[in-house]
Structures are given as structure tokens and as C-alpha cells.
Amino acid sequence: EGFLTKNQYAAKLSEAIKNMEFGIVIEDKNKIVGFAHWYYQDNRAFIEDLVTVPGKGYGKVLANFVLQTCKNDHVESVSLLLPHGSPGINFAKKIGLKPVSIELKKIL
């Protein structure tokens, strides 16, 4: 596959913006150490991914960027869906997200 051309990248970016999807990558010493991906729907934001190298503070930097961007874009709420028992739950609470629902499921 390989890297995208400038025109391919511009087309992908245009499509993402049209769909109200956004992403950011954080680098340290020319290495990718984290990324975040979120989208807007009905004046709400949904974080799809927020992944970083653990223990370096990159998650907090990314989360603050996403939350501030959402605030600047005047969305009314930011949501993040995590599996039960995920270590990300404590992180989400530290950045100010609060549990608002519980999903119950039975595997058939």
C-alpha cells in the first residue's frame, strides 16, 4: 500500500471533515507516541480512540486537546465508550468524564 499522495490525503481529509471526523497524532522525537480520533453528531462529540504510550503524560495532553477543541466547537457533551473493567475508565474519570449509563449484554 504505502503513503498517500497529496491529492489522496486532501480527498481523505475533505471526506473526514464532511463527516465531522477528526484526528490528531502526538509525536516525541519524531516517533508517534499517541493518537486520538473523534467525531461530532447532533451537537455531541464521541471519542472513538485515544491511545498513547503509557506513563508519559501524553494521554492527558491529547485528552485536553480533544476536550478543548470540542469546547471551542460548542458541542454540548463528549462521550467515550469503554469495556467493563478497562483501565481507561480511571483515566476517563481523571479527565472529567463521568459514567452515565450501563450496557448489559448476553453472548448467544
C-alpha atoms as a PDB file:
ATOM      1  CA  GLU A   1       0.000   0.000   0.000  1.00  0.00           C
ATOM      2  CA  GLY A   2       2.335   2.881   1.029  1.00  0.00           C
ATOM      3  CA  PHE A   3       1.847   6.547   1.741  1.00  0.00           C
ATOM      4  CA  LEU A   4      -0.924   8.643   0.250  1.00  0.00           C
ATOM      5  CA  THR A   5      -0.230  11.256  -2.400  1.00  0.00           C
ATOM      6  CA  LYS A   6      -1.039  14.865  -1.520  1.00  0.00           C
ATOM      7  CA  ASN A   7      -4.234  14.661  -3.582  1.00  0.00           C
ATOM      8  CA  GLN A   8      -5.296  11.386  -1.928  1.00  0.00           C
ATOM      9  CA  TYR A   9      -4.601  12.852   1.503  1.00  0.00           C
ATOM     10  CA  ALA A  10      -6.554  16.008   0.657  1.00  0.00           C
ATOM     11  CA  ALA A  11      -9.501  13.877  -0.521  1.00  0.00           C
ATOM     12  CA  LYS A  12      -9.420  11.753   2.667  1.00  0.00           C
ATOM     13  CA  LEU A  13      -9.197  14.870   4.846  1.00  0.00           C
ATOM     14  CA  SER A  14     -12.064  16.506   2.973  1.00  0.00           C
ATOM     15  CA  GLU A  15     -14.222  13.380   3.436  1.00  0.00           C
ATOM     16  CA  ALA A  16     -13.379  13.198   7.154  1.00  0.00           C
ATOM     17  CA  ILE A  17     -14.265  16.856   7.690  1.00  0.00           C
ATOM     18  CA  LYS A  18     -17.515  16.420   5.743  1.00  0.00           C
ATOM     19  CA  ASN A  19     -18.360  13.517   8.069  1.00  0.00           C
ATOM     20  CA  MET A  20     -17.298  15.626  11.073  1.00  0.00           C
ATOM     21  CA  GLU A  21     -14.478  13.210  11.960  1.00  0.00           C
ATOM     22  CA  PHE A  22     -11.210  14.481  13.332  1.00  0.00           C
ATOM     23  CA  GLY A  23      -7.893  13.056  14.404  1.00  0.00           C
ATOM     24  CA  ILE A  24      -4.630  14.157  15.915  1.00  0.00           C
ATOM     25  CA  VAL A  25      -1.277  12.473  16.361  1.00  0.00           C
ATOM     26  CA  ILE A  26       1.245  13.335  19.054  1.00  0.00           C
ATOM     27  CA  GLU A  27       4.949  12.819  18.362  1.00  0.00           C
ATOM     28  CA  ASP A  28       8.025  12.850  20.547  1.00  0.00           C
ATOM     29  CA  LYS A  29      11.463  12.877  18.928  1.00  0.00           C
ATOM     30  CA  ASN A  30       9.910  12.064  15.533  1.00  0.00           C
ATOM     31  CA  LYS A  31       8.125   8.975  16.895  1.00  0.00           C
ATOM     32  CA  ILE A  32       4.344   8.681  17.098  1.00  0.00           C
ATOM     33  CA  VAL A  33       3.519   8.227  20.783  1.00  0.00           C
ATOM     34  CA  GLY A  34      -0.244   8.646  20.663  1.00  0.00           C
ATOM     35  CA  PHE A  35      -3.307   9.495  18.653  1.00  0.00           C
ATOM     36  CA  ALA A  36      -6.925  10.481  19.120  1.00  0.00           C
ATOM     37  CA  HIS A  37      -9.909  10.164  16.797  1.00  0.00           C
ATOM     38  CA  TRP A  38     -13.325  11.687  17.456  1.00  0.00           C
ATOM     39  CA  TYR A  39     -16.432  12.746  15.591  1.00  0.00           C
ATOM     40  CA  TYR A  40     -19.403  15.061  16.015  1.00  0.00           C
ATOM     41  CA  GLN A  41     -23.031  14.051  15.739  1.00  0.00           C
ATOM     42  CA  ASP A  42     -26.066  16.143  16.701  1.00  0.00           C
ATOM     43  CA  ASN A  43     -24.014  18.687  18.656  1.00  0.00           C
ATOM     44  CA  ARG A  44     -22.282  15.924  20.628  1.00  0.00           C
ATOM     45  CA  ALA A  45     -18.743  14.584  20.376  1.00  0.00           C
ATOM     46  CA  PHE A  46     -17.782  10.919  20.542  1.00  0.00           C
ATOM     47  CA  ILE A  47     -14.196   9.844  21.170  1.00  0.00           C
ATOM     48  CA  GLU A  48     -13.553   6.712  19.132  1.00  0.00           C
ATOM     49  CA  ASP A  49      -9.880   6.252  20.001  1.00  0.00           C
ATOM     50  CA  LEU A  50      -7.400   7.768  22.410  1.00  0.00           C
ATOM     51  CA  VAL A  51      -4.238   5.671  22.504  1.00  0.00           C
ATOM     52  CA  THR A  52      -0.811   6.592  23.858  1.00  0.00           C
ATOM     53  CA  VAL A  53       2.408   5.223  25.209  1.00  0.00           C
ATOM     54  CA  PRO A  54       1.545   4.751  28.911  1.00  0.00           C
ATOM     55  CA  GLY A  55       3.013   6.670  31.819  1.00  0.00           C
ATOM     56  CA  LYS A  56       4.403   9.687  29.964  1.00  0.00           C
ATOM     57  CA  GLY A  57       1.501  12.142  30.224  1.00  0.00           C
ATOM     58  CA  TYR A  58       0.688  12.014  26.504  1.00  0.00           C
ATOM     59  CA  GLY A  59      -2.869  10.833  27.187  1.00  0.00           C
ATOM     60  CA  LYS A  60      -3.602  13.894  29.280  1.00  0.00           C
ATOM     61  CA  VAL A  61      -2.185  16.173  26.574  1.00  0.00           C
ATOM     62  CA  LEU A  62      -4.318  14.505  23.887  1.00  0.00           C
ATOM     63  CA  ALA A  63      -7.438  14.416  26.048  1.00  0.00           C
ATOM     64  CA  ASN A  64      -7.089  18.096  26.937  1.00  0.00           C
ATOM     65  CA  PHE A  65      -6.639  18.948  23.257  1.00  0.00           C
ATOM     66  CA  VAL A  66      -9.749  16.992  22.242  1.00  0.00           C
ATOM     67  CA  LEU A  67     -11.848  18.421  25.087  1.00  0.00           C
ATOM     68  CA  GLN A  68     -10.724  21.996  24.373  1.00  0.00           C
ATOM     69  CA  THR A  69     -11.389  21.553  20.644  1.00  0.00           C
ATOM     70  CA  CYS A  70     -14.879  20.256  21.398  1.00  0.00           C
ATOM     71  CA  LYS A  71     -15.483  23.163  23.753  1.00  0.00           C
ATOM     72  CA  ASN A  72     -14.299  25.628  21.100  1.00  0.00           C
ATOM     73  CA  ASP A  73     -16.664  23.969  18.617  1.00  0.00           C
ATOM     74  CA  HIS A  74     -19.540  24.479  21.081  1.00  0.00           C
ATOM     75  CA  VAL A  75     -20.612  20.836  21.396  1.00  0.00           C
ATOM     76  CA  GLU A  76     -22.826  20.105  24.390  1.00  0.00           C
ATOM     77  CA  SER A  77     -21.151  16.855  25.530  1.00  0.00           C
ATOM     78  CA  VAL A  78     -18.241  14.494  24.932  1.00  0.00           C
ATOM     79  CA  SER A  79     -18.723  10.721  25.243  1.00  0.00           C
ATOM     80  CA  LEU A  80     -16.376   7.768  25.350  1.00  0.00           C
ATOM     81  CA  LEU A  81     -17.430   4.118  25.289  1.00  0.00           C
ATOM     82  CA  LEU A  82     -15.172   1.700  27.195  1.00  0.00           C
ATOM     83  CA  PRO A  83     -15.453  -2.007  28.001  1.00  0.00           C
ATOM     84  CA  HIS A  84     -16.248  -3.007  31.578  1.00  0.00           C
ATOM     85  CA  GLY A  85     -13.062  -3.256  33.627  1.00  0.00           C
ATOM     86  CA  SER A  86     -10.968  -1.257  31.155  1.00  0.00           C
ATOM     87  CA  PRO A  87      -8.006   0.623  32.668  1.00  0.00           C
ATOM     88  CA  GLY A  88      -9.188   3.549  30.559  1.00  0.00           C
ATOM     89  CA  ILE A  89     -12.125   4.048  32.921  1.00  0.00           C
ATOM     90  CA  ASN A  90      -9.921   5.569  35.633  1.00  0.00           C
ATOM     91  CA  PHE A  91      -8.201   7.748  33.043  1.00  0.00           C
ATOM     92  CA  ALA A  92     -11.565   8.958  31.698  1.00  0.00           C
ATOM     93  CA  LYS A  93     -12.647   9.882  35.222  1.00  0.00           C
ATOM     94  CA  LYS A  94      -9.391  11.801  35.774  1.00  0.00           C
ATOM     95  CA  ILE A  95     -10.080  13.970  32.722  1.00  0.00           C
ATOM     96  CA  GLY A  96     -13.595  14.739  33.943  1.00  0.00           C
ATOM     97  CA  LEU A  97     -15.812  12.186  32.202  1.00  0.00           C
ATOM     98  CA  LYS A  98     -18.497  10.589  34.359  1.00  0.00           C
ATOM     99  CA  PRO A  99     -20.359   7.291  33.907  1.00  0.00           C
ATOM    100  CA  VAL A 100     -23.884   7.913  32.624  1.00  0.00           C
ATOM    101  CA  SER A 101     -25.156   4.509  31.542  1.00  0.00           C
ATOM    102  CA  ILE A 102     -24.506   0.809  31.757  1.00  0.00           C
ATOM    103  CA  GLU A 103     -24.798  -1.696  28.942  1.00  0.00           C
ATOM    104  CA  LEU A 104     -25.938  -5.218  29.713  1.00  0.00           C
ATOM    105  CA  LYS A 105     -25.271  -7.959  27.191  1.00  0.00           C
ATOM    106  CA  LYS A 106     -25.623 -11.709  26.793  1.00  0.00           C
ATOM    107  CA  ILE A 107     -23.500 -13.548  24.282  1.00  0.00           C
ATOM    108  CA  LEU A 108     -25.628 -16.105  22.417  1.00  0.00           C
END
